[in-house]
Structure formats: C-alpha cells, structure tokens
Amino acid sequence: MANLLIYSDLHIGASRVDDDKVIDTINFINETANIKKVDGIINLGDTLDCSGGRKQILSPSIVKLLNMLDFSQHYILRGNHEYHVDGDILSLLRCKHFIDKPSVFFDCLFIPYTKAIDKNLYPTDSYKYVFSHCDFHGGLYDNGHEYKGKNNKILSGVNYDRLFIGHYHIRQYISRKVLAVGAVQSRIKSMCDDPLGITLFDTSTEKIEFIENPYSYFQISEGNQKIKNSSEFLEISNDEVLEERQSIIDSITTLARSDELITDFFTKKGLSSEIIKALTKGELPNDFK
C-alpha cells in the first residue's frame, strides 16, 4: 500500500510556456510531496515537449529545468511528446524509474505510451490500479473535441478497478473507473476553465485528493507576445529592428554554447565520452541502449 502523488503533462520546452511558470510548478510538486510524505511521485508522461528536436530539448534552459526534478522519487512514464526522431530523450537521463515498457511498482501496473506496440508486451493480468499515458474513448481535449476512437490496444487484456491516465489536459472522469488527472499546468489556452494541479491517491484507503496548482494559469511567454500582425510591421522603428537583430544574435550565441553545456550535463550523469560526442552531433551509435 502506498501514498502517491500523481501529475501529468508538464511539457518542459513548450514554446508557449514561460520558464518561471515551469520552475514554480516543479517547486510546487516537490514541496507538496515533502509535506504529504508520499511514497512515490507518479509522472504520467509528456514531461518534455519534443517538437523542436534535440537542440531545443537539450538547450541550457531546458537542461536547467530537468535538473530540478528529483529523479530518485519519480516514476516517469513515457508520453507521446517524448517521442522524436532524435530518440527517446528522457531515457538518456538514466532516471532510476523511467518507464518505457509495462512495469509493476507498488503492486500497480504502469503502461507507457507506445507507437509501435509489440504484442508480446501486452499485459494480460488483473491489477487493482493501472497508470498510463494513452488514448481513451470519450476523452476530452483542450479545444473541447472528444476523442471518439478506440481505447489504446495495449489496455485490451488488462482488468483493473481504476485507471489513471495522462495525455488529456483537462481533468475529467472519462468513466466510473477512468480518471484523466489533467495537465499540471496549461500549455495552451483551454476551452475549459477547470483548475489544474496534482492528485494524491492512497492505495490503502482509495482516497483521492485534488490539490490545485496555483501556477497553472495559461500565460503566453514573452517571446510570443512580441508577434505583430501585418499592419503593425509598418510602425516598427529602426531601434526596434536593431533590438530584434541583437535578440537573434543572442539566440545563436546560446545555441553555440549548448553543446558545451550538454557535454557537462551528461558527463555528470555518467554517460561515456562516445555517447556524449554522438549527442552533440545529433546522432547515437546503433548499439546504444
């Protein structure tokens, strides 16, 4: 039996999320875990937002945010946003409990998001509680649309009393047995104004408690607030143009330094020099595990 803190869809690296908001949210998770003396922190996936590739995800600011997560207490499921052509980024961190295949902890079944599902990995047993990052019929998205497809096939052989899932950013009971815990913070403007936060679950009493994240509000990052429509471009002064050029130069300088910071970061994580060299080139050896 265990007292668990559950959250999902942090989306570190999403272009529309301000870094300060992510930092406040991570501190909120860590502090609540300490106060409630939980046995484990269950992250239901999409810790990262990999749409920008390796250079985005391993940029200095992203690495700094990742370092704030307490990997010793976390059980992190792979979500759909951890998938990218550059590889499974979170697995490179050697997180003690990075879950990329069906696994059992606390007598509960954990099922990560998987694109090409190996049928040999399909769980076929009964578990009282299951945690996953997956599609589920009836799930409601931020834009108000309902997922009308079938449930993820990897769930087809599993019997459970209660299923906790990530992926859907709106907190909702999809059915009597299925709770989508919702995103811990807003990545985009949602059609739903319901609060976001974390879920506490005691497996011995089956008590579920929701705690709102005071930093979960939607806020466009400063960079995106500078976007102007076509009529506004006519009014831009020379000083503004120079400032914009300097901003671009600063961004390029930051990228140029990122390989050095990446090398330092992964050296501390214990990766070999061969793997680090491959990372800085955006590739991995074929035999890398």
C-alpha atoms as a PDB file:
ATOM      1  CA  MET A   1       0.000   0.000   0.000  1.00  0.00           C
ATOM      2  CA  ALA A   2       1.283   3.458  -0.835  1.00  0.00           C
ATOM      3  CA  ASN A   3       0.512   7.164  -0.718  1.00  0.00           C
ATOM      4  CA  LEU A   4       1.161   8.514  -4.215  1.00  0.00           C
ATOM      5  CA  LEU A   5       1.375  11.984  -5.781  1.00  0.00           C
ATOM      6  CA  ILE A   6       0.234  11.908  -9.406  1.00  0.00           C
ATOM      7  CA  TYR A   7       0.636  14.560 -12.099  1.00  0.00           C
ATOM      8  CA  SER A   8       0.997  14.743 -15.872  1.00  0.00           C
ATOM      9  CA  ASP A   9       1.837  16.807 -18.950  1.00  0.00           C
ATOM     10  CA  LEU A  10       4.419  19.244 -17.627  1.00  0.00           C
ATOM     11  CA  HIS A  11       5.609  19.893 -21.211  1.00  0.00           C
ATOM     12  CA  ILE A  12       9.036  21.355 -20.431  1.00  0.00           C
ATOM     13  CA  GLY A  13      10.225  23.053 -23.622  1.00  0.00           C
ATOM     14  CA  ALA A  14       6.806  24.054 -24.971  1.00  0.00           C
ATOM     15  CA  SER A  15       7.315  27.382 -26.715  1.00  0.00           C
ATOM     16  CA  ARG A  16       4.209  28.971 -25.199  1.00  0.00           C
ATOM     17  CA  VAL A  17       5.102  28.236 -21.578  1.00  0.00           C
ATOM     18  CA  ASP A  18       7.200  30.673 -19.562  1.00  0.00           C
ATOM     19  CA  ASP A  19      10.202  29.094 -17.770  1.00  0.00           C
ATOM     20  CA  ASP A  20       9.345  30.830 -14.489  1.00  0.00           C
ATOM     21  CA  LYS A  21       5.950  29.155 -14.530  1.00  0.00           C
ATOM     22  CA  VAL A  22       7.588  25.740 -15.011  1.00  0.00           C
ATOM     23  CA  ILE A  23      10.018  26.410 -12.144  1.00  0.00           C
ATOM     24  CA  ASP A  24       7.157  27.421  -9.825  1.00  0.00           C
ATOM     25  CA  THR A  25       5.219  24.302 -10.804  1.00  0.00           C
ATOM     26  CA  ILE A  26       8.167  21.954 -10.191  1.00  0.00           C
ATOM     27  CA  ASN A  27       8.752  23.565  -6.775  1.00  0.00           C
ATOM     28  CA  PHE A  28       5.045  23.138  -6.014  1.00  0.00           C
ATOM     29  CA  ILE A  29       5.264  19.409  -6.855  1.00  0.00           C
ATOM     30  CA  ASN A  30       8.434  18.861  -4.802  1.00  0.00           C
ATOM     31  CA  GLU A  31       7.155  20.809  -1.778  1.00  0.00           C
ATOM     32  CA  THR A  32       3.777  19.064  -1.766  1.00  0.00           C
ATOM     33  CA  ALA A  33       5.484  15.659  -1.987  1.00  0.00           C
ATOM     34  CA  ASN A  34       7.586  16.530   1.077  1.00  0.00           C
ATOM     35  CA  ILE A  35       4.678  17.908   3.092  1.00  0.00           C
ATOM     36  CA  LYS A  36       2.435  14.911   2.338  1.00  0.00           C
ATOM     37  CA  LYS A  37       5.311  12.438   2.849  1.00  0.00           C
ATOM     38  CA  VAL A  38       4.409  10.481  -0.282  1.00  0.00           C
ATOM     39  CA  ASP A  39       5.940   7.122  -1.134  1.00  0.00           C
ATOM     40  CA  GLY A  40       6.358   8.000  -4.789  1.00  0.00           C
ATOM     41  CA  ILE A  41       5.775  10.737  -7.373  1.00  0.00           C
ATOM     42  CA  ILE A  42       3.966   9.342 -10.418  1.00  0.00           C
ATOM     43  CA  ASN A  43       4.515  11.331 -13.612  1.00  0.00           C
ATOM     44  CA  LEU A  44       2.039  10.165 -16.268  1.00  0.00           C
ATOM     45  CA  GLY A  45       4.049  11.377 -19.269  1.00  0.00           C
ATOM     46  CA  ASP A  46       4.807  14.328 -21.527  1.00  0.00           C
ATOM     47  CA  THR A  47       7.416  15.710 -19.161  1.00  0.00           C
ATOM     48  CA  LEU A  48       9.090  17.161 -22.256  1.00  0.00           C
ATOM     49  CA  ASP A  49       7.752  18.752 -25.408  1.00  0.00           C
ATOM     50  CA  CYS A  50       9.985  17.388 -28.171  1.00  0.00           C
ATOM     51  CA  SER A  51       8.531  19.201 -31.170  1.00  0.00           C
ATOM     52  CA  GLY A  52      11.722  21.269 -31.607  1.00  0.00           C
ATOM     53  CA  GLY A  53      14.184  18.354 -31.633  1.00  0.00           C
ATOM     54  CA  ARG A  54      17.467  17.788 -29.806  1.00  0.00           C
ATOM     55  CA  LYS A  55      18.738  21.375 -29.896  1.00  0.00           C
ATOM     56  CA  GLN A  56      15.541  22.604 -28.288  1.00  0.00           C
ATOM     57  CA  ILE A  57      15.241  19.873 -25.671  1.00  0.00           C
ATOM     58  CA  LEU A  58      18.911  19.944 -24.648  1.00  0.00           C
ATOM     59  CA  SER A  59      19.216  23.721 -24.653  1.00  0.00           C
ATOM     60  CA  PRO A  60      20.716  25.235 -21.469  1.00  0.00           C
ATOM     61  CA  SER A  61      17.342  26.421 -20.163  1.00  0.00           C
ATOM     62  CA  ILE A  62      15.706  23.001 -20.642  1.00  0.00           C
ATOM     63  CA  VAL A  63      18.617  21.168 -19.010  1.00  0.00           C
ATOM     64  CA  LYS A  64      18.345  23.526 -16.042  1.00  0.00           C
ATOM     65  CA  LEU A  65      14.660  22.713 -15.621  1.00  0.00           C
ATOM     66  CA  LEU A  66      15.213  18.963 -15.939  1.00  0.00           C
ATOM     67  CA  ASN A  67      17.833  19.149 -13.201  1.00  0.00           C
ATOM     68  CA  MET A  68      15.151  20.438 -10.814  1.00  0.00           C
ATOM     69  CA  LEU A  69      13.222  17.155 -10.984  1.00  0.00           C
ATOM     70  CA  ASP A  70      14.018  14.727  -8.177  1.00  0.00           C
ATOM     71  CA  PHE A  71      14.636  11.581 -10.220  1.00  0.00           C
ATOM     72  CA  SER A  72      15.114   9.488  -7.069  1.00  0.00           C
ATOM     73  CA  GLN A  73      11.419   9.810  -6.167  1.00  0.00           C
ATOM     74  CA  HIS A  74       9.914   9.986  -9.639  1.00  0.00           C
ATOM     75  CA  TYR A  75       8.327   7.185 -11.625  1.00  0.00           C
ATOM     76  CA  ILE A  76       8.166   8.745 -15.089  1.00  0.00           C
ATOM     77  CA  LEU A  77       6.050   7.232 -17.849  1.00  0.00           C
ATOM     78  CA  ARG A  78       6.985   7.937 -21.438  1.00  0.00           C
ATOM     79  CA  GLY A  79       4.349  10.108 -23.132  1.00  0.00           C
ATOM     80  CA  ASN A  80       3.681  10.786 -26.806  1.00  0.00           C
ATOM     81  CA  HIS A  81       5.704  14.026 -26.622  1.00  0.00           C
ATOM     82  CA  GLU A  82       8.817  12.144 -25.512  1.00  0.00           C
ATOM     83  CA  TYR A  83       8.899  10.549 -28.967  1.00  0.00           C
ATOM     84  CA  HIS A  84      11.102  12.274 -31.537  1.00  0.00           C
ATOM     85  CA  VAL A  85      13.333  11.362 -34.493  1.00  0.00           C
ATOM     86  CA  ASP A  86      16.323  12.242 -32.305  1.00  0.00           C
ATOM     87  CA  GLY A  87      15.495   9.435 -29.883  1.00  0.00           C
ATOM     88  CA  ASP A  88      13.919   8.895 -26.508  1.00  0.00           C
ATOM     89  CA  ILE A  89      15.407  11.915 -24.722  1.00  0.00           C
ATOM     90  CA  LEU A  90      14.280  11.090 -21.189  1.00  0.00           C
ATOM     91  CA  SER A  91      15.876   7.643 -21.341  1.00  0.00           C
ATOM     92  CA  LEU A  92      19.265   9.335 -21.764  1.00  0.00           C
ATOM     93  CA  LEU A  93      18.941  10.822 -18.288  1.00  0.00           C
ATOM     94  CA  ARG A  94      19.231   7.358 -16.748  1.00  0.00           C
ATOM     95  CA  CYS A  95      16.293   8.133 -14.490  1.00  0.00           C
ATOM     96  CA  LYS A  96      16.016   5.336 -11.935  1.00  0.00           C
ATOM     97  CA  HIS A  97      12.396   4.717 -12.845  1.00  0.00           C
ATOM     98  CA  PHE A  98      11.910   5.915 -16.417  1.00  0.00           C
ATOM     99  CA  ILE A  99       9.151   3.601 -17.632  1.00  0.00           C
ATOM    100  CA  ASP A 100       9.326   2.717 -21.334  1.00  0.00           C
ATOM    101  CA  LYS A 101       7.649  -0.712 -21.123  1.00  0.00           C
ATOM    102  CA  PRO A 102       4.834  -2.150 -18.960  1.00  0.00           C
ATOM    103  CA  SER A 103       6.170  -2.394 -15.379  1.00  0.00           C
ATOM    104  CA  VAL A 104       4.879  -3.015 -11.868  1.00  0.00           C
ATOM    105  CA  PHE A 105       5.581  -0.747  -8.871  1.00  0.00           C
ATOM    106  CA  PHE A 106       3.619  -0.510  -5.605  1.00  0.00           C
ATOM    107  CA  ASP A 107       1.611  -3.538  -6.852  1.00  0.00           C
ATOM    108  CA  CYS A 108       0.245  -1.249  -9.602  1.00  0.00           C
ATOM    109  CA  LEU A 109       0.698  -1.626 -13.367  1.00  0.00           C
ATOM    110  CA  PHE A 110       2.396   1.205 -15.294  1.00  0.00           C
ATOM    111  CA  ILE A 111       1.926   1.338 -19.089  1.00  0.00           C
ATOM    112  CA  PRO A 112       3.864   3.967 -21.109  1.00  0.00           C
ATOM    113  CA  TYR A 113       2.794   5.484 -24.415  1.00  0.00           C
ATOM    114  CA  THR A 114       3.996   3.308 -27.277  1.00  0.00           C
ATOM    115  CA  LYS A 115       3.727   3.925 -31.021  1.00  0.00           C
ATOM    116  CA  ALA A 116       4.649   0.515 -32.420  1.00  0.00           C
ATOM    117  CA  ILE A 117       3.263  -1.848 -29.803  1.00  0.00           C
ATOM    118  CA  ASP A 118       4.858  -5.276 -29.518  1.00  0.00           C
ATOM    119  CA  LYS A 119       2.006  -7.663 -28.780  1.00  0.00           C
ATOM    120  CA  ASN A 120       4.359  -9.701 -26.630  1.00  0.00           C
ATOM    121  CA  LEU A 121       4.375  -6.742 -24.226  1.00  0.00           C
ATOM    122  CA  TYR A 122       0.585  -6.621 -23.861  1.00  0.00           C
ATOM    123  CA  PRO A 123      -0.266  -7.045 -20.164  1.00  0.00           C
ATOM    124  CA  THR A 124      -2.909  -9.739 -19.659  1.00  0.00           C
ATOM    125  CA  ASP A 125      -3.306  -9.892 -15.887  1.00  0.00           C
ATOM    126  CA  SER A 126      -5.590  -8.185 -13.388  1.00  0.00           C
ATOM    127  CA  TYR A 127      -4.390  -5.180 -11.397  1.00  0.00           C
ATOM    128  CA  LYS A 128      -6.328  -3.104  -8.938  1.00  0.00           C
ATOM    129  CA  TYR A 129      -4.736   0.133 -10.157  1.00  0.00           C
ATOM    130  CA  VAL A 130      -3.241   0.973 -13.548  1.00  0.00           C
ATOM    131  CA  PHE A 131      -1.366   4.119 -14.614  1.00  0.00           C
ATOM    132  CA  SER A 132      -0.871   5.028 -18.285  1.00  0.00           C
ATOM    133  CA  HIS A 133      -0.404   7.688 -20.969  1.00  0.00           C
ATOM    134  CA  CYS A 134      -2.753   6.709 -23.753  1.00  0.00           C
ATOM    135  CA  ASP A 135      -5.838   7.404 -25.833  1.00  0.00           C
ATOM    136  CA  PHE A 136      -9.170   6.506 -24.274  1.00  0.00           C
ATOM    137  CA  HIS A 137     -12.604   6.679 -25.877  1.00  0.00           C
ATOM    138  CA  GLY A 138     -14.532   9.713 -24.657  1.00  0.00           C
ATOM    139  CA  GLY A 139     -11.501  11.729 -23.503  1.00  0.00           C
ATOM    140  CA  LEU A 140     -11.978  15.491 -23.873  1.00  0.00           C
ATOM    141  CA  TYR A 141      -9.215  17.667 -25.364  1.00  0.00           C
ATOM    142  CA  ASP A 142      -8.397  21.318 -24.556  1.00  0.00           C
ATOM    143  CA  ASN A 143     -10.302  22.509 -27.630  1.00  0.00           C
ATOM    144  CA  GLY A 144     -13.484  20.793 -26.471  1.00  0.00           C
ATOM    145  CA  HIS A 145     -13.290  17.965 -29.009  1.00  0.00           C
ATOM    146  CA  GLU A 146     -13.975  14.449 -27.801  1.00  0.00           C
ATOM    147  CA  TYR A 147     -11.762  11.502 -28.724  1.00  0.00           C
ATOM    148  CA  LYS A 148     -14.115   9.085 -30.480  1.00  0.00           C
ATOM    149  CA  GLY A 149     -11.568   6.457 -31.447  1.00  0.00           C
ATOM    150  CA  LYS A 150     -10.974   3.153 -29.715  1.00  0.00           C
ATOM    151  CA  ASN A 151      -9.115   2.700 -26.449  1.00  0.00           C
ATOM    152  CA  ASN A 152      -5.398   2.013 -26.795  1.00  0.00           C
ATOM    153  CA  LYS A 153      -4.962  -1.675 -27.700  1.00  0.00           C
ATOM    154  CA  ILE A 154      -2.347  -2.208 -25.016  1.00  0.00           C
ATOM    155  CA  LEU A 155      -5.155  -1.921 -22.452  1.00  0.00           C
ATOM    156  CA  SER A 156      -7.284  -4.603 -24.095  1.00  0.00           C
ATOM    157  CA  GLY A 157      -6.071  -7.540 -21.984  1.00  0.00           C
ATOM    158  CA  VAL A 158      -5.901  -5.722 -18.645  1.00  0.00           C
ATOM    159  CA  ASN A 159      -8.541  -5.878 -15.934  1.00  0.00           C
ATOM    160  CA  TYR A 160      -8.498  -3.042 -13.396  1.00  0.00           C
ATOM    161  CA  ASP A 161     -10.566  -1.385 -10.700  1.00  0.00           C
ATOM    162  CA  ARG A 162      -9.254   2.076 -11.509  1.00  0.00           C
ATOM    163  CA  LEU A 163      -7.225   3.576 -14.355  1.00  0.00           C
ATOM    164  CA  PHE A 164      -5.316   6.869 -14.028  1.00  0.00           C
ATOM    165  CA  ILE A 165      -4.179   8.392 -17.326  1.00  0.00           C
ATOM    166  CA  GLY A 166      -2.302  11.411 -18.629  1.00  0.00           C
ATOM    167  CA  HIS A 167      -2.452  12.795 -22.205  1.00  0.00           C
ATOM    168  CA  TYR A 168      -5.725  14.717 -21.756  1.00  0.00           C
ATOM    169  CA  HIS A 169      -5.033  18.168 -20.310  1.00  0.00           C
ATOM    170  CA  ILE A 170      -8.498  18.631 -18.830  1.00  0.00           C
ATOM    171  CA  ARG A 171      -9.054  16.868 -15.516  1.00  0.00           C
ATOM    172  CA  GLN A 172     -12.034  14.554 -16.049  1.00  0.00           C
ATOM    173  CA  TYR A 173     -13.658  11.257 -15.183  1.00  0.00           C
ATOM    174  CA  ILE A 174     -13.960   9.599 -18.598  1.00  0.00           C
ATOM    175  CA  SER A 175     -15.855   6.739 -16.988  1.00  0.00           C
ATOM    176  CA  ARG A 176     -16.576   5.479 -13.484  1.00  0.00           C
ATOM    177  CA  LYS A 177     -13.224   3.653 -13.440  1.00  0.00           C
ATOM    178  CA  VAL A 178     -11.105   6.041 -15.511  1.00  0.00           C
ATOM    179  CA  LEU A 179      -9.677   9.351 -14.250  1.00  0.00           C
ATOM    180  CA  ALA A 180      -7.675  11.602 -16.554  1.00  0.00           C
ATOM    181  CA  VAL A 181      -5.714  13.610 -13.981  1.00  0.00           C
ATOM    182  CA  GLY A 182      -5.250  16.564 -16.346  1.00  0.00           C
ATOM    183  CA  ALA A 183      -2.152  18.635 -17.047  1.00  0.00           C
ATOM    184  CA  VAL A 184      -0.337  20.058 -14.048  1.00  0.00           C
ATOM    185  CA  GLN A 185      -0.141  23.384 -15.886  1.00  0.00           C
ATOM    186  CA  SER A 186      -1.646  24.968 -19.006  1.00  0.00           C
ATOM    187  CA  ARG A 187       0.361  24.682 -22.209  1.00  0.00           C
ATOM    188  CA  ILE A 188      -2.311  26.254 -24.429  1.00  0.00           C
ATOM    189  CA  LYS A 189      -5.493  28.233 -23.855  1.00  0.00           C
ATOM    190  CA  SER A 190      -8.155  25.680 -22.963  1.00  0.00           C
ATOM    191  CA  MET A 191     -11.888  25.754 -23.680  1.00  0.00           C
ATOM    192  CA  CYS A 192     -12.294  24.556 -20.100  1.00  0.00           C
ATOM    193  CA  ASP A 193     -11.627  26.794 -17.091  1.00  0.00           C
ATOM    194  CA  ASP A 194     -11.487  23.956 -14.551  1.00  0.00           C
ATOM    195  CA  PRO A 195      -8.445  24.145 -12.236  1.00  0.00           C
ATOM    196  CA  LEU A 196      -5.309  22.098 -12.915  1.00  0.00           C
ATOM    197  CA  GLY A 197      -2.939  20.573 -10.399  1.00  0.00           C
ATOM    198  CA  ILE A 198      -1.882  17.307  -8.779  1.00  0.00           C
ATOM    199  CA  THR A 199      -3.716  14.256  -7.473  1.00  0.00           C
ATOM    200  CA  LEU A 200      -2.977  12.446  -4.215  1.00  0.00           C
ATOM    201  CA  PHE A 201      -4.026   8.802  -4.084  1.00  0.00           C
ATOM    202  CA  ASP A 202      -3.800   6.482  -1.100  1.00  0.00           C
ATOM    203  CA  THR A 203      -3.926   2.873  -2.348  1.00  0.00           C
ATOM    204  CA  SER A 204      -4.895   1.566   1.103  1.00  0.00           C
ATOM    205  CA  THR A 205      -7.962   3.795   1.609  1.00  0.00           C
ATOM    206  CA  GLU A 206      -8.625   4.589  -2.093  1.00  0.00           C
ATOM    207  CA  LYS A 207      -8.949   8.240  -1.098  1.00  0.00           C
ATOM    208  CA  ILE A 208      -8.379  10.670  -3.995  1.00  0.00           C
ATOM    209  CA  GLU A 209      -7.496  14.280  -3.230  1.00  0.00           C
ATOM    210  CA  PHE A 210      -7.005  17.058  -5.776  1.00  0.00           C
ATOM    211  CA  ILE A 211      -4.694  19.987  -4.990  1.00  0.00           C
ATOM    212  CA  GLU A 212      -4.800  22.930  -7.372  1.00  0.00           C
ATOM    213  CA  ASN A 213      -1.507  24.225  -8.767  1.00  0.00           C
ATOM    214  CA  PRO A 214      -1.504  27.998  -8.063  1.00  0.00           C
ATOM    215  CA  TYR A 215       0.830  28.438 -11.067  1.00  0.00           C
ATOM    216  CA  SER A 216      -1.288  26.521 -13.582  1.00  0.00           C
ATOM    217  CA  TYR A 217      -2.846  29.539 -15.301  1.00  0.00           C
ATOM    218  CA  PHE A 218      -2.322  29.990 -19.058  1.00  0.00           C
ATOM    219  CA  GLN A 219       0.204  32.695 -19.911  1.00  0.00           C
ATOM    220  CA  ILE A 220       1.877  33.272 -23.264  1.00  0.00           C
ATOM    221  CA  SER A 221       5.639  33.567 -22.898  1.00  0.00           C
ATOM    222  CA  GLU A 222       7.189  36.979 -23.575  1.00  0.00           C
ATOM    223  CA  GLY A 223       8.706  35.874 -26.871  1.00  0.00           C
ATOM    224  CA  ASN A 224       5.307  35.052 -28.327  1.00  0.00           C
ATOM    225  CA  GLN A 225       3.746  38.294 -27.101  1.00  0.00           C
ATOM    226  CA  LYS A 226       6.062  40.157 -29.487  1.00  0.00           C
ATOM    227  CA  ILE A 227       4.343  38.694 -32.567  1.00  0.00           C
ATOM    228  CA  LYS A 228       2.746  41.503 -34.583  1.00  0.00           C
ATOM    229  CA  ASN A 229       0.169  41.498 -37.360  1.00  0.00           C
ATOM    230  CA  SER A 230       0.955  42.873 -40.842  1.00  0.00           C
ATOM    231  CA  SER A 231      -0.311  46.417 -40.160  1.00  0.00           C
ATOM    232  CA  GLU A 232       1.904  46.772 -37.070  1.00  0.00           C
ATOM    233  CA  PHE A 233       5.071  45.984 -39.050  1.00  0.00           C
ATOM    234  CA  LEU A 234       4.739  49.350 -40.789  1.00  0.00           C
ATOM    235  CA  GLU A 235       5.202  51.151 -37.474  1.00  0.00           C
ATOM    236  CA  ILE A 236       8.385  49.401 -36.297  1.00  0.00           C
ATOM    237  CA  SER A 237      11.233  51.840 -35.629  1.00  0.00           C
ATOM    238  CA  ASN A 238      14.902  51.338 -36.536  1.00  0.00           C
ATOM    239  CA  ASP A 239      15.691  50.876 -32.846  1.00  0.00           C
ATOM    240  CA  GLU A 240      13.199  48.013 -32.654  1.00  0.00           C
ATOM    241  CA  VAL A 241      14.761  46.376 -35.714  1.00  0.00           C
ATOM    242  CA  LEU A 242      18.231  46.619 -34.139  1.00  0.00           C
ATOM    243  CA  GLU A 243      16.917  45.156 -30.888  1.00  0.00           C
ATOM    244  CA  GLU A 244      15.345  42.265 -32.813  1.00  0.00           C
ATOM    245  CA  ARG A 245      18.624  41.605 -34.665  1.00  0.00           C
ATOM    246  CA  GLN A 246      20.521  41.598 -31.370  1.00  0.00           C
ATOM    247  CA  SER A 247      17.994  39.148 -29.944  1.00  0.00           C
ATOM    248  CA  ILE A 248      18.633  36.787 -32.861  1.00  0.00           C
ATOM    249  CA  ILE A 249      22.395  37.110 -32.379  1.00  0.00           C
ATOM    250  CA  ASP A 250      21.995  36.310 -28.675  1.00  0.00           C
ATOM    251  CA  SER A 251      19.929  33.219 -29.533  1.00  0.00           C
ATOM    252  CA  ILE A 252      22.581  31.972 -31.955  1.00  0.00           C
ATOM    253  CA  THR A 253      25.270  32.519 -29.313  1.00  0.00           C
ATOM    254  CA  THR A 254      23.236  30.475 -26.816  1.00  0.00           C
ATOM    255  CA  LEU A 255      22.910  27.616 -29.300  1.00  0.00           C
ATOM    256  CA  ALA A 256      26.646  27.696 -29.981  1.00  0.00           C
ATOM    257  CA  ARG A 257      27.292  27.211 -26.260  1.00  0.00           C
ATOM    258  CA  SER A 258      24.696  24.450 -25.864  1.00  0.00           C
ATOM    259  CA  ASP A 259      26.988  21.588 -26.944  1.00  0.00           C
ATOM    260  CA  GLU A 260      29.468  22.535 -24.225  1.00  0.00           C
ATOM    261  CA  LEU A 261      26.704  22.592 -21.605  1.00  0.00           C
ATOM    262  CA  ILE A 262      25.219  19.330 -22.907  1.00  0.00           C
ATOM    263  CA  THR A 263      28.617  17.650 -22.580  1.00  0.00           C
ATOM    264  CA  ASP A 264      28.995  18.853 -18.995  1.00  0.00           C
ATOM    265  CA  PHE A 265      25.434  17.808 -18.102  1.00  0.00           C
ATOM    266  CA  PHE A 266      25.712  14.251 -19.411  1.00  0.00           C
ATOM    267  CA  THR A 267      29.225  13.764 -18.035  1.00  0.00           C
ATOM    268  CA  LYS A 268      27.716  14.309 -14.593  1.00  0.00           C
ATOM    269  CA  LYS A 269      25.013  11.767 -15.475  1.00  0.00           C
ATOM    270  CA  GLY A 270      27.702   9.164 -16.150  1.00  0.00           C
ATOM    271  CA  LEU A 271      27.412   8.781 -19.928  1.00  0.00           C
ATOM    272  CA  SER A 272      30.520   7.662 -21.814  1.00  0.00           C
ATOM    273  CA  SER A 273      32.521  10.111 -23.926  1.00  0.00           C
ATOM    274  CA  GLU A 274      31.453   8.209 -27.068  1.00  0.00           C
ATOM    275  CA  ILE A 275      27.760   8.716 -26.337  1.00  0.00           C
ATOM    276  CA  ILE A 276      28.278  12.375 -25.408  1.00  0.00           C
ATOM    277  CA  LYS A 277      30.165  13.007 -28.650  1.00  0.00           C
ATOM    278  CA  ALA A 278      27.340  11.392 -30.616  1.00  0.00           C
ATOM    279  CA  LEU A 279      24.758  13.500 -28.778  1.00  0.00           C
ATOM    280  CA  THR A 280      26.460  16.754 -29.675  1.00  0.00           C
ATOM    281  CA  LYS A 281      26.298  15.682 -33.338  1.00  0.00           C
ATOM    282  CA  GLY A 282      22.630  14.776 -33.077  1.00  0.00           C
ATOM    283  CA  GLU A 283      23.121  11.043 -33.532  1.00  0.00           C
ATOM    284  CA  LEU A 284      23.568   7.881 -31.485  1.00  0.00           C
ATOM    285  CA  PRO A 285      25.541   4.678 -32.117  1.00  0.00           C
ATOM    286  CA  ASN A 286      23.389   1.798 -33.419  1.00  0.00           C
ATOM    287  CA  ASP A 287      24.187  -0.325 -30.384  1.00  0.00           C
ATOM    288  CA  PHE A 288      23.278   2.379 -27.825  1.00  0.00           C
ATOM    289  CA  LYS A 289      20.882   1.119 -25.140  1.00  0.00           C
END
